[in-house]
Amino acid sequence: MKKIRWGIIGCGDVTEVKSGPGFQKAEGSELAAVMRRNGALAEDYAARHGVPAWYNNADSLIEDPAVDAVYIATPPAFHKEYTLKAATARKPIYVEKPMALHYEDCREMVDACRKYEVPLFVAYYRRALPKFLAILDIIKSGEIGDVRCVHVNMCKPSSQDEINPESLPWRVLPVVSGGGYFMDLGSHTFDLLDFYFGPVREVRGFSSNQGGYYPAEDIVTGSWVFESGVHGTGTWCFTAGESLDQVTVFGSRGSIRFSVFEFEPIRVTVPRSDGSEIITREVTYSIPEHAQQPLIQTVVRELLGETGACPSTGESGLRSAWVLDALK
């Protein structure tokens, strides 16, 4: 059986468990090379994960004839640069989220891949996880009726690193990440909402830096309307005194509540048929060892020409980037 041989640009923390092993364990896939600017760290990663080749230069990995497709796992500031290079080399690309610093960067990436006829996938891996597929099934089943609106509420306290100007994480530095935690975490949420309800037609938002701990926004509020007619509202606050991660989908008969980042059960609330009582049931789900492996498997199957297609593409990632830019 033919295999897709992958090269990773940026074999950092996210690739240790979430994604890297998924390229080795997915059927029809193997990891052929890794790259990191610090060659010693790339060599160490290759040795620990049984990867044949390592580089400290992205161009060398992209040009390696043993690499069929490229996974870009760097911070967002470098996504466009490496995507354009891989596209020019006519190698399929799987890029981390958020897709790039800004919507226009994402548009350039999509256009380049279209020009060179190269598939572009984005690592919004929740589209393939059992939990979020179960939510999609509930929505489609009509159990909660016609979907009317969705509300997102995410709050978390600041960490010590985030309030120390000497140790700011890259995720709160806009020149590296494109924004703050809203870009990093909110991007997953909006990709899911796009997956469930389709593209957003109109969006309005407000963003501020209330804590003043770092250059990026630390609170975003907004409202939007999907082309399907569903309305949405949300607040993301990253200097709150407590943590909350909840999405509520309200339908004409009931509701679904779930978290985007926690492993809590899905809660479905509907009235009895006679309206006498409200019933809440919990839906559990399996949790893969390597979170990105199910989505990676869909990418590999598509590249091999097998049945099915990856549900997270450059086009869907572009839509989420447009919403993120409009809100912040």
C-alpha atoms as a PDB file:
ATOM      1  CA  MET A   1       0.000   0.000   0.000  1.00  0.00           C
ATOM      2  CA  LYS A   2       1.276   3.454  -0.886  1.00  0.00           C
ATOM      3  CA  LYS A   3       1.943   5.737   2.067  1.00  0.00           C
ATOM      4  CA  ILE A   4       1.995   9.498   2.406  1.00  0.00           C
ATOM      5  CA  ARG A   5       5.413  10.477   3.761  1.00  0.00           C
ATOM      6  CA  TRP A   6       5.185  13.575   5.944  1.00  0.00           C
ATOM      7  CA  GLY A   7       7.666  16.214   6.977  1.00  0.00           C
ATOM      8  CA  ILE A   8       7.033  18.444  10.007  1.00  0.00           C
ATOM      9  CA  ILE A   9       8.209  22.060  10.014  1.00  0.00           C
ATOM     10  CA  GLY A  10       8.376  23.125  13.663  1.00  0.00           C
ATOM     11  CA  CYS A  11       8.507  19.958  15.779  1.00  0.00           C
ATOM     12  CA  GLY A  12       7.659  21.721  19.056  1.00  0.00           C
ATOM     13  CA  ASP A  13       5.419  20.849  21.985  1.00  0.00           C
ATOM     14  CA  VAL A  14       2.181  20.516  20.006  1.00  0.00           C
ATOM     15  CA  THR A  15       3.727  17.719  17.933  1.00  0.00           C
ATOM     16  CA  GLU A  16       4.865  15.586  20.878  1.00  0.00           C
ATOM     17  CA  VAL A  17       1.499  13.937  21.586  1.00  0.00           C
ATOM     18  CA  LYS A  18      -1.352  15.802  19.903  1.00  0.00           C
ATOM     19  CA  SER A  19      -0.207  15.501  16.309  1.00  0.00           C
ATOM     20  CA  GLY A  20       3.238  14.021  15.601  1.00  0.00           C
ATOM     21  CA  PRO A  21       2.466  10.397  16.526  1.00  0.00           C
ATOM     22  CA  GLY A  22      -0.772  10.670  14.553  1.00  0.00           C
ATOM     23  CA  PHE A  23       1.204  10.890  11.315  1.00  0.00           C
ATOM     24  CA  GLN A  24       2.953   7.656  12.252  1.00  0.00           C
ATOM     25  CA  LYS A  25      -0.142   5.781  13.444  1.00  0.00           C
ATOM     26  CA  ALA A  26      -2.658   6.799  10.774  1.00  0.00           C
ATOM     27  CA  GLU A  27      -3.168   4.131   8.108  1.00  0.00           C
ATOM     28  CA  GLY A  28      -1.298   4.904   4.904  1.00  0.00           C
ATOM     29  CA  SER A  29       0.895   7.495   6.618  1.00  0.00           C
ATOM     30  CA  GLU A  30       4.412   7.791   7.964  1.00  0.00           C
ATOM     31  CA  LEU A  31       6.681  10.518   9.319  1.00  0.00           C
ATOM     32  CA  ALA A  32       9.787  10.880   7.137  1.00  0.00           C
ATOM     33  CA  ALA A  33      11.453  14.065   8.398  1.00  0.00           C
ATOM     34  CA  VAL A  34      11.233  16.834  10.981  1.00  0.00           C
ATOM     35  CA  MET A  35      12.635  20.358  11.117  1.00  0.00           C
ATOM     36  CA  ARG A  36      13.361  22.855  13.851  1.00  0.00           C
ATOM     37  CA  ARG A  37      15.647  25.885  13.727  1.00  0.00           C
ATOM     38  CA  ASN A  38      17.512  24.474  16.698  1.00  0.00           C
ATOM     39  CA  GLY A  39      19.071  21.446  15.016  1.00  0.00           C
ATOM     40  CA  ALA A  40      19.884  19.736  18.304  1.00  0.00           C
ATOM     41  CA  LEU A  41      16.202  19.777  19.262  1.00  0.00           C
ATOM     42  CA  ALA A  42      15.195  18.478  15.827  1.00  0.00           C
ATOM     43  CA  GLU A  43      17.739  15.673  16.102  1.00  0.00           C
ATOM     44  CA  ASP A  44      16.482  14.817  19.582  1.00  0.00           C
ATOM     45  CA  TYR A  45      12.862  14.716  18.377  1.00  0.00           C
ATOM     46  CA  ALA A  46      13.793  12.471  15.454  1.00  0.00           C
ATOM     47  CA  ALA A  47      15.658  10.078  17.746  1.00  0.00           C
ATOM     48  CA  ARG A  48      12.849   9.856  20.295  1.00  0.00           C
ATOM     49  CA  HIS A  49      10.089   9.392  17.712  1.00  0.00           C
ATOM     50  CA  GLY A  50      11.940   7.156  15.275  1.00  0.00           C
ATOM     51  CA  VAL A  51      11.969   9.655  12.392  1.00  0.00           C
ATOM     52  CA  PRO A  52      14.590   8.926   9.680  1.00  0.00           C
ATOM     53  CA  ALA A  53      15.670  12.513   8.873  1.00  0.00           C
ATOM     54  CA  TRP A  54      15.907  15.878  10.585  1.00  0.00           C
ATOM     55  CA  TYR A  55      16.774  19.403   9.448  1.00  0.00           C
ATOM     56  CA  ASN A  56      17.368  22.860  10.879  1.00  0.00           C
ATOM     57  CA  ASN A  57      16.203  24.508   7.662  1.00  0.00           C
ATOM     58  CA  ALA A  58      12.648  24.443   6.273  1.00  0.00           C
ATOM     59  CA  ASP A  59      13.727  24.658   2.639  1.00  0.00           C
ATOM     60  CA  SER A  60      15.767  21.466   3.008  1.00  0.00           C
ATOM     61  CA  LEU A  61      12.772  19.588   4.380  1.00  0.00           C
ATOM     62  CA  ILE A  62      10.431  20.867   1.683  1.00  0.00           C
ATOM     63  CA  GLU A  63      12.930  19.909  -1.038  1.00  0.00           C
ATOM     64  CA  ASP A  64      13.563  16.429   0.390  1.00  0.00           C
ATOM     65  CA  PRO A  65      12.305  13.913  -2.236  1.00  0.00           C
ATOM     66  CA  ALA A  66      11.384  11.534   0.602  1.00  0.00           C
ATOM     67  CA  VAL A  67       8.779  14.058   1.846  1.00  0.00           C
ATOM     68  CA  ASP A  68       5.437  13.895   0.006  1.00  0.00           C
ATOM     69  CA  ALA A  69       3.460  16.335   2.167  1.00  0.00           C
ATOM     70  CA  VAL A  70       4.265  19.032   4.718  1.00  0.00           C
ATOM     71  CA  TYR A  71       2.807  19.701   8.180  1.00  0.00           C
ATOM     72  CA  ILE A  72       3.471  23.294   9.312  1.00  0.00           C
ATOM     73  CA  ALA A  73       3.437  23.370  13.119  1.00  0.00           C
ATOM     74  CA  THR A  74       5.177  26.688  13.767  1.00  0.00           C
ATOM     75  CA  PRO A  75       3.560  29.740  15.408  1.00  0.00           C
ATOM     76  CA  PRO A  76       1.171  31.543  12.989  1.00  0.00           C
ATOM     77  CA  ALA A  77       3.713  34.221  12.015  1.00  0.00           C
ATOM     78  CA  PHE A  78       5.454  31.659   9.787  1.00  0.00           C
ATOM     79  CA  HIS A  79       2.449  29.818   8.352  1.00  0.00           C
ATOM     80  CA  LYS A  80       2.102  31.879   5.194  1.00  0.00           C
ATOM     81  CA  GLU A  81       5.814  31.808   4.340  1.00  0.00           C
ATOM     82  CA  TYR A  82       6.105  28.036   4.603  1.00  0.00           C
ATOM     83  CA  THR A  83       2.749  27.376   2.943  1.00  0.00           C
ATOM     84  CA  LEU A  84       3.784  29.404  -0.095  1.00  0.00           C
ATOM     85  CA  LYS A  85       7.090  27.550  -0.300  1.00  0.00           C
ATOM     86  CA  ALA A  86       5.457  24.122  -0.019  1.00  0.00           C
ATOM     87  CA  ALA A  87       2.799  25.088  -2.549  1.00  0.00           C
ATOM     88  CA  THR A  88       5.489  26.187  -5.018  1.00  0.00           C
ATOM     89  CA  ALA A  89       7.114  22.782  -4.515  1.00  0.00           C
ATOM     90  CA  ARG A  90       3.679  21.255  -5.239  1.00  0.00           C
ATOM     91  CA  LYS A  91       3.494  19.402  -1.942  1.00  0.00           C
ATOM     92  CA  PRO A  92       0.188  19.069  -0.034  1.00  0.00           C
ATOM     93  CA  ILE A  93       0.020  21.106   3.159  1.00  0.00           C
ATOM     94  CA  TYR A  94      -1.512  20.575   6.596  1.00  0.00           C
ATOM     95  CA  VAL A  95      -1.112  23.808   8.568  1.00  0.00           C
ATOM     96  CA  GLU A  96      -1.719  24.491  12.247  1.00  0.00           C
ATOM     97  CA  LYS A  97      -4.439  26.830  13.462  1.00  0.00           C
ATOM     98  CA  PRO A  98      -5.043  29.692  13.512  1.00  0.00           C
ATOM     99  CA  MET A  99      -4.319  29.496   9.815  1.00  0.00           C
ATOM    100  CA  ALA A 100      -2.225  32.708   9.684  1.00  0.00           C
ATOM    101  CA  LEU A 101      -1.849  36.124  11.293  1.00  0.00           C
ATOM    102  CA  HIS A 102      -4.632  37.793   9.302  1.00  0.00           C
ATOM    103  CA  TYR A 103      -7.413  37.023   6.854  1.00  0.00           C
ATOM    104  CA  GLU A 104      -5.464  38.464   3.917  1.00  0.00           C
ATOM    105  CA  ASP A 105      -2.533  36.145   4.686  1.00  0.00           C
ATOM    106  CA  CYS A 106      -4.933  33.202   4.664  1.00  0.00           C
ATOM    107  CA  ARG A 107      -6.327  34.376   1.331  1.00  0.00           C
ATOM    108  CA  GLU A 108      -2.814  34.411  -0.164  1.00  0.00           C
ATOM    109  CA  MET A 109      -2.268  30.854   1.088  1.00  0.00           C
ATOM    110  CA  VAL A 110      -5.509  29.606  -0.451  1.00  0.00           C
ATOM    111  CA  ASP A 111      -4.811  31.392  -3.743  1.00  0.00           C
ATOM    112  CA  ALA A 112      -1.274  29.972  -3.960  1.00  0.00           C
ATOM    113  CA  CYS A 113      -2.435  26.433  -3.326  1.00  0.00           C
ATOM    114  CA  ARG A 114      -5.157  26.834  -5.925  1.00  0.00           C
ATOM    115  CA  LYS A 115      -2.613  28.193  -8.439  1.00  0.00           C
ATOM    116  CA  TYR A 116      -0.284  25.231  -7.982  1.00  0.00           C
ATOM    117  CA  GLU A 117      -3.155  22.736  -7.606  1.00  0.00           C
ATOM    118  CA  VAL A 118      -1.989  21.731  -4.130  1.00  0.00           C
ATOM    119  CA  PRO A 119      -4.412  20.561  -1.401  1.00  0.00           C
ATOM    120  CA  LEU A 120      -4.444  22.768   1.705  1.00  0.00           C
ATOM    121  CA  PHE A 121      -5.781  21.453   5.022  1.00  0.00           C
ATOM    122  CA  VAL A 122      -6.012  23.234   8.386  1.00  0.00           C
ATOM    123  CA  ALA A 123      -5.528  21.506  11.748  1.00  0.00           C
ATOM    124  CA  TYR A 124      -8.982  22.234  13.152  1.00  0.00           C
ATOM    125  CA  TYR A 125      -8.991  18.682  14.425  1.00  0.00           C
ATOM    126  CA  ARG A 126     -12.195  18.941  16.447  1.00  0.00           C
ATOM    127  CA  ARG A 127     -14.118  18.411  13.200  1.00  0.00           C
ATOM    128  CA  ALA A 128     -13.085  14.749  13.339  1.00  0.00           C
ATOM    129  CA  LEU A 129     -13.250  14.054  17.098  1.00  0.00           C
ATOM    130  CA  PRO A 130     -16.019  11.757  18.422  1.00  0.00           C
ATOM    131  CA  LYS A 131     -17.300  14.397  20.867  1.00  0.00           C
ATOM    132  CA  PHE A 132     -17.943  17.045  18.257  1.00  0.00           C
ATOM    133  CA  LEU A 133     -19.288  14.601  15.693  1.00  0.00           C
ATOM    134  CA  ALA A 134     -21.772  13.455  18.361  1.00  0.00           C
ATOM    135  CA  ILE A 135     -22.920  17.072  18.782  1.00  0.00           C
ATOM    136  CA  LEU A 136     -23.351  17.381  15.017  1.00  0.00           C
ATOM    137  CA  ASP A 137     -25.482  14.218  15.003  1.00  0.00           C
ATOM    138  CA  ILE A 138     -27.706  15.615  17.769  1.00  0.00           C
ATOM    139  CA  ILE A 139     -28.182  18.872  15.862  1.00  0.00           C
ATOM    140  CA  LYS A 140     -29.010  17.027  12.643  1.00  0.00           C
ATOM    141  CA  SER A 141     -31.379  14.618  14.398  1.00  0.00           C
ATOM    142  CA  GLY A 142     -33.833  17.406  15.196  1.00  0.00           C
ATOM    143  CA  GLU A 143     -33.970  16.422  18.870  1.00  0.00           C
ATOM    144  CA  ILE A 144     -33.721  20.071  19.973  1.00  0.00           C
ATOM    145  CA  GLY A 145     -35.815  21.276  17.030  1.00  0.00           C
ATOM    146  CA  ASP A 146     -34.715  23.955  14.605  1.00  0.00           C
ATOM    147  CA  VAL A 147     -31.592  25.762  15.807  1.00  0.00           C
ATOM    148  CA  ARG A 148     -32.356  29.381  16.686  1.00  0.00           C
ATOM    149  CA  CYS A 149     -29.178  30.736  18.280  1.00  0.00           C
ATOM    150  CA  VAL A 150     -25.857  29.869  19.884  1.00  0.00           C
ATOM    151  CA  HIS A 151     -24.088  31.532  22.803  1.00  0.00           C
ATOM    152  CA  VAL A 152     -20.379  31.176  23.628  1.00  0.00           C
ATOM    153  CA  ASN A 153     -18.928  32.048  27.025  1.00  0.00           C
ATOM    154  CA  MET A 154     -15.233  31.563  27.705  1.00  0.00           C
ATOM    155  CA  CYS A 155     -13.415  33.025  30.709  1.00  0.00           C
ATOM    156  CA  LYS A 156     -10.129  32.197  32.376  1.00  0.00           C
ATOM    157  CA  PRO A 157      -7.793  33.850  34.887  1.00  0.00           C
ATOM    158  CA  SER A 158      -4.398  35.199  33.876  1.00  0.00           C
ATOM    159  CA  SER A 159      -1.400  32.991  34.625  1.00  0.00           C
ATOM    160  CA  GLN A 160       1.800  34.198  36.254  1.00  0.00           C
ATOM    161  CA  ASP A 161       3.608  34.075  32.897  1.00  0.00           C
ATOM    162  CA  GLU A 162       0.970  36.321  31.359  1.00  0.00           C
ATOM    163  CA  ILE A 163       1.377  39.071  33.931  1.00  0.00           C
ATOM    164  CA  ASN A 164       5.176  38.999  33.877  1.00  0.00           C
ATOM    165  CA  PRO A 165       6.559  41.103  31.014  1.00  0.00           C
ATOM    166  CA  GLU A 166       9.772  39.041  31.115  1.00  0.00           C
ATOM    167  CA  SER A 167       8.035  35.732  30.384  1.00  0.00           C
ATOM    168  CA  LEU A 168       5.134  36.510  28.046  1.00  0.00           C
ATOM    169  CA  PRO A 169       4.064  33.449  26.009  1.00  0.00           C
ATOM    170  CA  TRP A 170       4.105  33.870  22.233  1.00  0.00           C
ATOM    171  CA  ARG A 171       0.347  33.395  22.112  1.00  0.00           C
ATOM    172  CA  VAL A 172      -0.187  36.903  23.547  1.00  0.00           C
ATOM    173  CA  LEU A 173       2.269  38.587  21.169  1.00  0.00           C
ATOM    174  CA  PRO A 174       0.324  39.736  18.070  1.00  0.00           C
ATOM    175  CA  VAL A 175       3.428  39.853  15.847  1.00  0.00           C
ATOM    176  CA  VAL A 176       3.820  36.101  16.391  1.00  0.00           C
ATOM    177  CA  SER A 177       0.271  34.866  16.982  1.00  0.00           C
ATOM    178  CA  GLY A 178      -1.917  37.420  15.217  1.00  0.00           C
ATOM    179  CA  GLY A 179      -3.649  38.386  18.466  1.00  0.00           C
ATOM    180  CA  GLY A 180      -4.098  36.989  21.949  1.00  0.00           C
ATOM    181  CA  TYR A 181      -5.838  33.937  23.353  1.00  0.00           C
ATOM    182  CA  PHE A 182      -8.934  34.817  21.363  1.00  0.00           C
ATOM    183  CA  MET A 183      -7.020  33.953  18.203  1.00  0.00           C
ATOM    184  CA  ASP A 184      -5.625  30.773  19.726  1.00  0.00           C
ATOM    185  CA  LEU A 185      -8.766  29.458  21.429  1.00  0.00           C
ATOM    186  CA  GLY A 186     -11.587  31.354  19.766  1.00  0.00           C
ATOM    187  CA  SER A 187     -10.457  30.089  16.384  1.00  0.00           C
ATOM    188  CA  HIS A 188     -11.365  26.527  17.415  1.00  0.00           C
ATOM    189  CA  THR A 189     -14.815  27.679  18.492  1.00  0.00           C
ATOM    190  CA  PHE A 190     -15.615  29.534  15.296  1.00  0.00           C
ATOM    191  CA  ASP A 191     -14.379  26.678  13.171  1.00  0.00           C
ATOM    192  CA  LEU A 192     -16.775  24.367  15.030  1.00  0.00           C
ATOM    193  CA  LEU A 193     -19.657  26.792  14.566  1.00  0.00           C
ATOM    194  CA  ASP A 194     -18.867  26.933  10.846  1.00  0.00           C
ATOM    195  CA  PHE A 195     -18.873  23.123  10.836  1.00  0.00           C
ATOM    196  CA  TYR A 196     -22.293  23.009  12.507  1.00  0.00           C
ATOM    197  CA  PHE A 197     -24.141  25.971  10.997  1.00  0.00           C
ATOM    198  CA  GLY A 198     -22.215  27.006   7.896  1.00  0.00           C
ATOM    199  CA  PRO A 199     -20.583  30.332   6.979  1.00  0.00           C
ATOM    200  CA  VAL A 200     -21.163  33.540   8.921  1.00  0.00           C
ATOM    201  CA  ARG A 201     -22.919  36.243   6.873  1.00  0.00           C
ATOM    202  CA  GLU A 202     -22.510  39.252   9.150  1.00  0.00           C
ATOM    203  CA  VAL A 203     -20.451  39.951  12.277  1.00  0.00           C
ATOM    204  CA  ARG A 204     -19.885  42.789  14.747  1.00  0.00           C
ATOM    205  CA  GLY A 205     -17.500  42.836  17.673  1.00  0.00           C
ATOM    206  CA  PHE A 206     -15.587  44.756  20.307  1.00  0.00           C
ATOM    207  CA  SER A 207     -12.164  44.035  21.736  1.00  0.00           C
ATOM    208  CA  SER A 208     -10.167  45.619  24.561  1.00  0.00           C
ATOM    209  CA  ASN A 209      -7.103  45.144  26.701  1.00  0.00           C
ATOM    210  CA  GLN A 210      -8.526  45.437  30.222  1.00  0.00           C
ATOM    211  CA  GLY A 211      -5.654  43.914  32.191  1.00  0.00           C
ATOM    212  CA  GLY A 212      -2.809  45.662  30.391  1.00  0.00           C
ATOM    213  CA  TYR A 213      -0.510  42.677  30.923  1.00  0.00           C
ATOM    214  CA  TYR A 214       0.477  42.140  27.281  1.00  0.00           C
ATOM    215  CA  PRO A 215       0.109  43.772  23.842  1.00  0.00           C
ATOM    216  CA  ALA A 216      -2.854  41.698  22.614  1.00  0.00           C
ATOM    217  CA  GLU A 217      -6.554  42.072  23.354  1.00  0.00           C
ATOM    218  CA  ASP A 218      -7.668  40.161  26.461  1.00  0.00           C
ATOM    219  CA  ILE A 219     -11.449  40.440  26.026  1.00  0.00           C
ATOM    220  CA  VAL A 220     -13.629  40.104  22.936  1.00  0.00           C
ATOM    221  CA  THR A 221     -17.411  40.288  22.709  1.00  0.00           C
ATOM    222  CA  GLY A 222     -19.449  39.956  19.572  1.00  0.00           C
ATOM    223  CA  SER A 223     -22.554  38.965  17.694  1.00  0.00           C
ATOM    224  CA  TRP A 224     -22.978  37.360  14.304  1.00  0.00           C
ATOM    225  CA  VAL A 225     -25.517  35.838  11.937  1.00  0.00           C
ATOM    226  CA  PHE A 226     -24.955  32.700   9.889  1.00  0.00           C
ATOM    227  CA  GLU A 227     -26.105  32.428   6.286  1.00  0.00           C
ATOM    228  CA  SER A 228     -28.412  29.687   7.571  1.00  0.00           C
ATOM    229  CA  GLY A 229     -30.244  32.287   9.686  1.00  0.00           C
ATOM    230  CA  VAL A 230     -28.923  31.118  13.071  1.00  0.00           C
ATOM    231  CA  HIS A 231     -27.849  33.976  15.359  1.00  0.00           C
ATOM    232  CA  GLY A 232     -24.799  33.932  17.636  1.00  0.00           C
ATOM    233  CA  THR A 233     -23.334  35.885  20.542  1.00  0.00           C
ATOM    234  CA  GLY A 234     -20.170  35.391  22.574  1.00  0.00           C
ATOM    235  CA  THR A 235     -17.734  36.687  25.156  1.00  0.00           C
ATOM    236  CA  TRP A 236     -14.105  35.662  25.583  1.00  0.00           C
ATOM    237  CA  CYS A 237     -12.399  37.106  28.671  1.00  0.00           C
ATOM    238  CA  PHE A 238      -8.876  36.077  29.645  1.00  0.00           C
ATOM    239  CA  THR A 239      -8.428  38.140  32.813  1.00  0.00           C
ATOM    240  CA  ALA A 240     -11.470  36.840  34.714  1.00  0.00           C
ATOM    241  CA  GLY A 241     -11.482  35.600  38.295  1.00  0.00           C
ATOM    242  CA  GLU A 242     -12.770  32.149  37.344  1.00  0.00           C
ATOM    243  CA  SER A 243     -12.799  29.721  34.443  1.00  0.00           C
ATOM    244  CA  LEU A 244     -15.746  28.930  32.206  1.00  0.00           C
ATOM    245  CA  ASP A 245     -15.909  27.126  28.890  1.00  0.00           C
ATOM    246  CA  GLN A 246     -19.452  26.710  27.624  1.00  0.00           C
ATOM    247  CA  VAL A 247     -21.261  26.768  24.307  1.00  0.00           C
ATOM    248  CA  THR A 248     -25.059  26.608  24.351  1.00  0.00           C
ATOM    249  CA  VAL A 249     -27.055  25.821  21.232  1.00  0.00           C
ATOM    250  CA  PHE A 250     -30.720  26.764  21.611  1.00  0.00           C
ATOM    251  CA  GLY A 251     -33.301  25.088  19.426  1.00  0.00           C
ATOM    252  CA  SER A 252     -37.067  25.436  19.061  1.00  0.00           C
ATOM    253  CA  ARG A 253     -37.562  22.423  21.385  1.00  0.00           C
ATOM    254  CA  GLY A 254     -34.464  22.215  23.586  1.00  0.00           C
ATOM    255  CA  SER A 255     -30.761  22.933  23.933  1.00  0.00           C
ATOM    256  CA  ILE A 256     -27.277  21.434  23.826  1.00  0.00           C
ATOM    257  CA  ARG A 257     -24.495  22.513  26.191  1.00  0.00           C
ATOM    258  CA  PHE A 258     -20.876  21.549  25.714  1.00  0.00           C
ATOM    259  CA  SER A 259     -17.329  22.720  26.327  1.00  0.00           C
ATOM    260  CA  VAL A 260     -14.801  23.236  23.560  1.00  0.00           C
ATOM    261  CA  PHE A 261     -11.672  22.461  25.575  1.00  0.00           C
ATOM    262  CA  GLU A 262     -12.791  20.417  28.590  1.00  0.00           C
ATOM    263  CA  PHE A 263     -13.743  16.734  28.646  1.00  0.00           C
ATOM    264  CA  GLU A 264     -17.171  17.124  30.214  1.00  0.00           C
ATOM    265  CA  PRO A 265     -20.216  15.194  28.952  1.00  0.00           C
ATOM    266  CA  ILE A 266     -22.456  16.821  26.362  1.00  0.00           C
ATOM    267  CA  ARG A 267     -25.740  17.901  27.983  1.00  0.00           C
ATOM    268  CA  VAL A 268     -28.958  17.758  25.973  1.00  0.00           C
ATOM    269  CA  THR A 269     -32.074  19.335  27.498  1.00  0.00           C
ATOM    270  CA  VAL A 270     -35.546  18.762  26.013  1.00  0.00           C
ATOM    271  CA  PRO A 271     -39.088  18.715  27.434  1.00  0.00           C
ATOM    272  CA  ARG A 272     -41.188  15.569  27.581  1.00  0.00           C
ATOM    273  CA  SER A 273     -43.601  15.208  24.696  1.00  0.00           C
ATOM    274  CA  ASP A 274     -46.471  16.408  26.911  1.00  0.00           C
ATOM    275  CA  GLY A 275     -44.423  19.368  28.134  1.00  0.00           C
ATOM    276  CA  SER A 276     -44.775  18.300  31.770  1.00  0.00           C
ATOM    277  CA  GLU A 277     -41.088  18.052  32.598  1.00  0.00           C
ATOM    278  CA  ILE A 278     -37.678  19.112  31.331  1.00  0.00           C
ATOM    279  CA  ILE A 279     -35.283  16.205  30.858  1.00  0.00           C
ATOM    280  CA  THR A 280     -31.502  16.564  30.665  1.00  0.00           C
ATOM    281  CA  ARG A 281     -29.406  13.680  29.435  1.00  0.00           C
ATOM    282  CA  GLU A 282     -25.636  13.397  29.237  1.00  0.00           C
ATOM    283  CA  VAL A 283     -23.782  12.077  26.221  1.00  0.00           C
ATOM    284  CA  THR A 284     -20.302  10.645  26.688  1.00  0.00           C
ATOM    285  CA  TYR A 285     -17.706   9.962  24.026  1.00  0.00           C
ATOM    286  CA  SER A 286     -14.311   8.393  23.435  1.00  0.00           C
ATOM    287  CA  ILE A 287     -11.109  10.465  23.628  1.00  0.00           C
ATOM    288  CA  PRO A 288      -8.320   9.523  21.180  1.00  0.00           C
ATOM    289  CA  GLU A 289      -4.788   9.267  22.541  1.00  0.00           C
ATOM    290  CA  HIS A 290      -3.539  11.621  19.823  1.00  0.00           C
ATOM    291  CA  ALA A 291      -6.115  14.369  19.318  1.00  0.00           C
ATOM    292  CA  GLN A 292      -5.235  15.150  15.712  1.00  0.00           C
ATOM    293  CA  GLN A 293      -4.992  11.574  14.465  1.00  0.00           C
ATOM    294  CA  PRO A 294      -8.652  11.270  13.343  1.00  0.00           C
ATOM    295  CA  LEU A 295      -8.369  14.422  11.217  1.00  0.00           C
ATOM    296  CA  ILE A 296      -4.944  13.385   9.923  1.00  0.00           C
ATOM    297  CA  GLN A 297      -6.528  10.111   8.829  1.00  0.00           C
ATOM    298  CA  THR A 298      -9.094  11.995   6.711  1.00  0.00           C
ATOM    299  CA  VAL A 299      -6.268  14.006   5.099  1.00  0.00           C
ATOM    300  CA  VAL A 300      -4.316  10.865   4.264  1.00  0.00           C
ATOM    301  CA  ARG A 301      -7.368   9.133   2.795  1.00  0.00           C
ATOM    302  CA  GLU A 302      -8.081  12.110   0.577  1.00  0.00           C
ATOM    303  CA  LEU A 303      -4.473  12.315  -0.596  1.00  0.00           C
ATOM    304  CA  LEU A 304      -4.524   8.601  -1.388  1.00  0.00           C
ATOM    305  CA  GLY A 305      -7.727   9.026  -3.394  1.00  0.00           C
ATOM    306  CA  GLU A 306      -9.823   6.922  -1.043  1.00  0.00           C
ATOM    307  CA  THR A 307     -13.477   7.491  -0.158  1.00  0.00           C
ATOM    308  CA  GLY A 308     -14.253  10.635   1.807  1.00  0.00           C
ATOM    309  CA  ALA A 309     -12.612  14.014   2.189  1.00  0.00           C
ATOM    310  CA  CYS A 310     -11.012  16.006   4.962  1.00  0.00           C
ATOM    311  CA  PRO A 311     -13.643  18.313   6.541  1.00  0.00           C
ATOM    312  CA  SER A 312     -11.117  21.075   7.376  1.00  0.00           C
ATOM    313  CA  THR A 313      -9.716  22.845   4.332  1.00  0.00           C
ATOM    314  CA  GLY A 314      -8.068  26.124   3.457  1.00  0.00           C
ATOM    315  CA  GLU A 315     -11.468  27.423   2.366  1.00  0.00           C
ATOM    316  CA  SER A 316     -13.152  26.626   5.691  1.00  0.00           C
ATOM    317  CA  GLY A 317     -10.149  28.001   7.574  1.00  0.00           C
ATOM    318  CA  LEU A 318     -10.397  31.189   5.509  1.00  0.00           C
ATOM    319  CA  ARG A 319     -13.996  31.689   6.621  1.00  0.00           C
ATOM    320  CA  SER A 320     -13.040  31.427  10.288  1.00  0.00           C
ATOM    321  CA  ALA A 321     -10.143  33.853   9.755  1.00  0.00           C
ATOM    322  CA  TRP A 322     -12.561  36.410   8.312  1.00  0.00           C
ATOM    323  CA  VAL A 323     -14.764  36.202  11.420  1.00  0.00           C
ATOM    324  CA  LEU A 324     -11.803  36.403  13.817  1.00  0.00           C
ATOM    325  CA  ASP A 325     -10.456  39.529  12.112  1.00  0.00           C
ATOM    326  CA  ALA A 326     -13.901  41.156  12.132  1.00  0.00           C
ATOM    327  CA  LEU A 327     -14.370  40.547  15.865  1.00  0.00           C
ATOM    328  CA  LYS A 328     -11.006  41.711  17.116  1.00  0.00           C
END
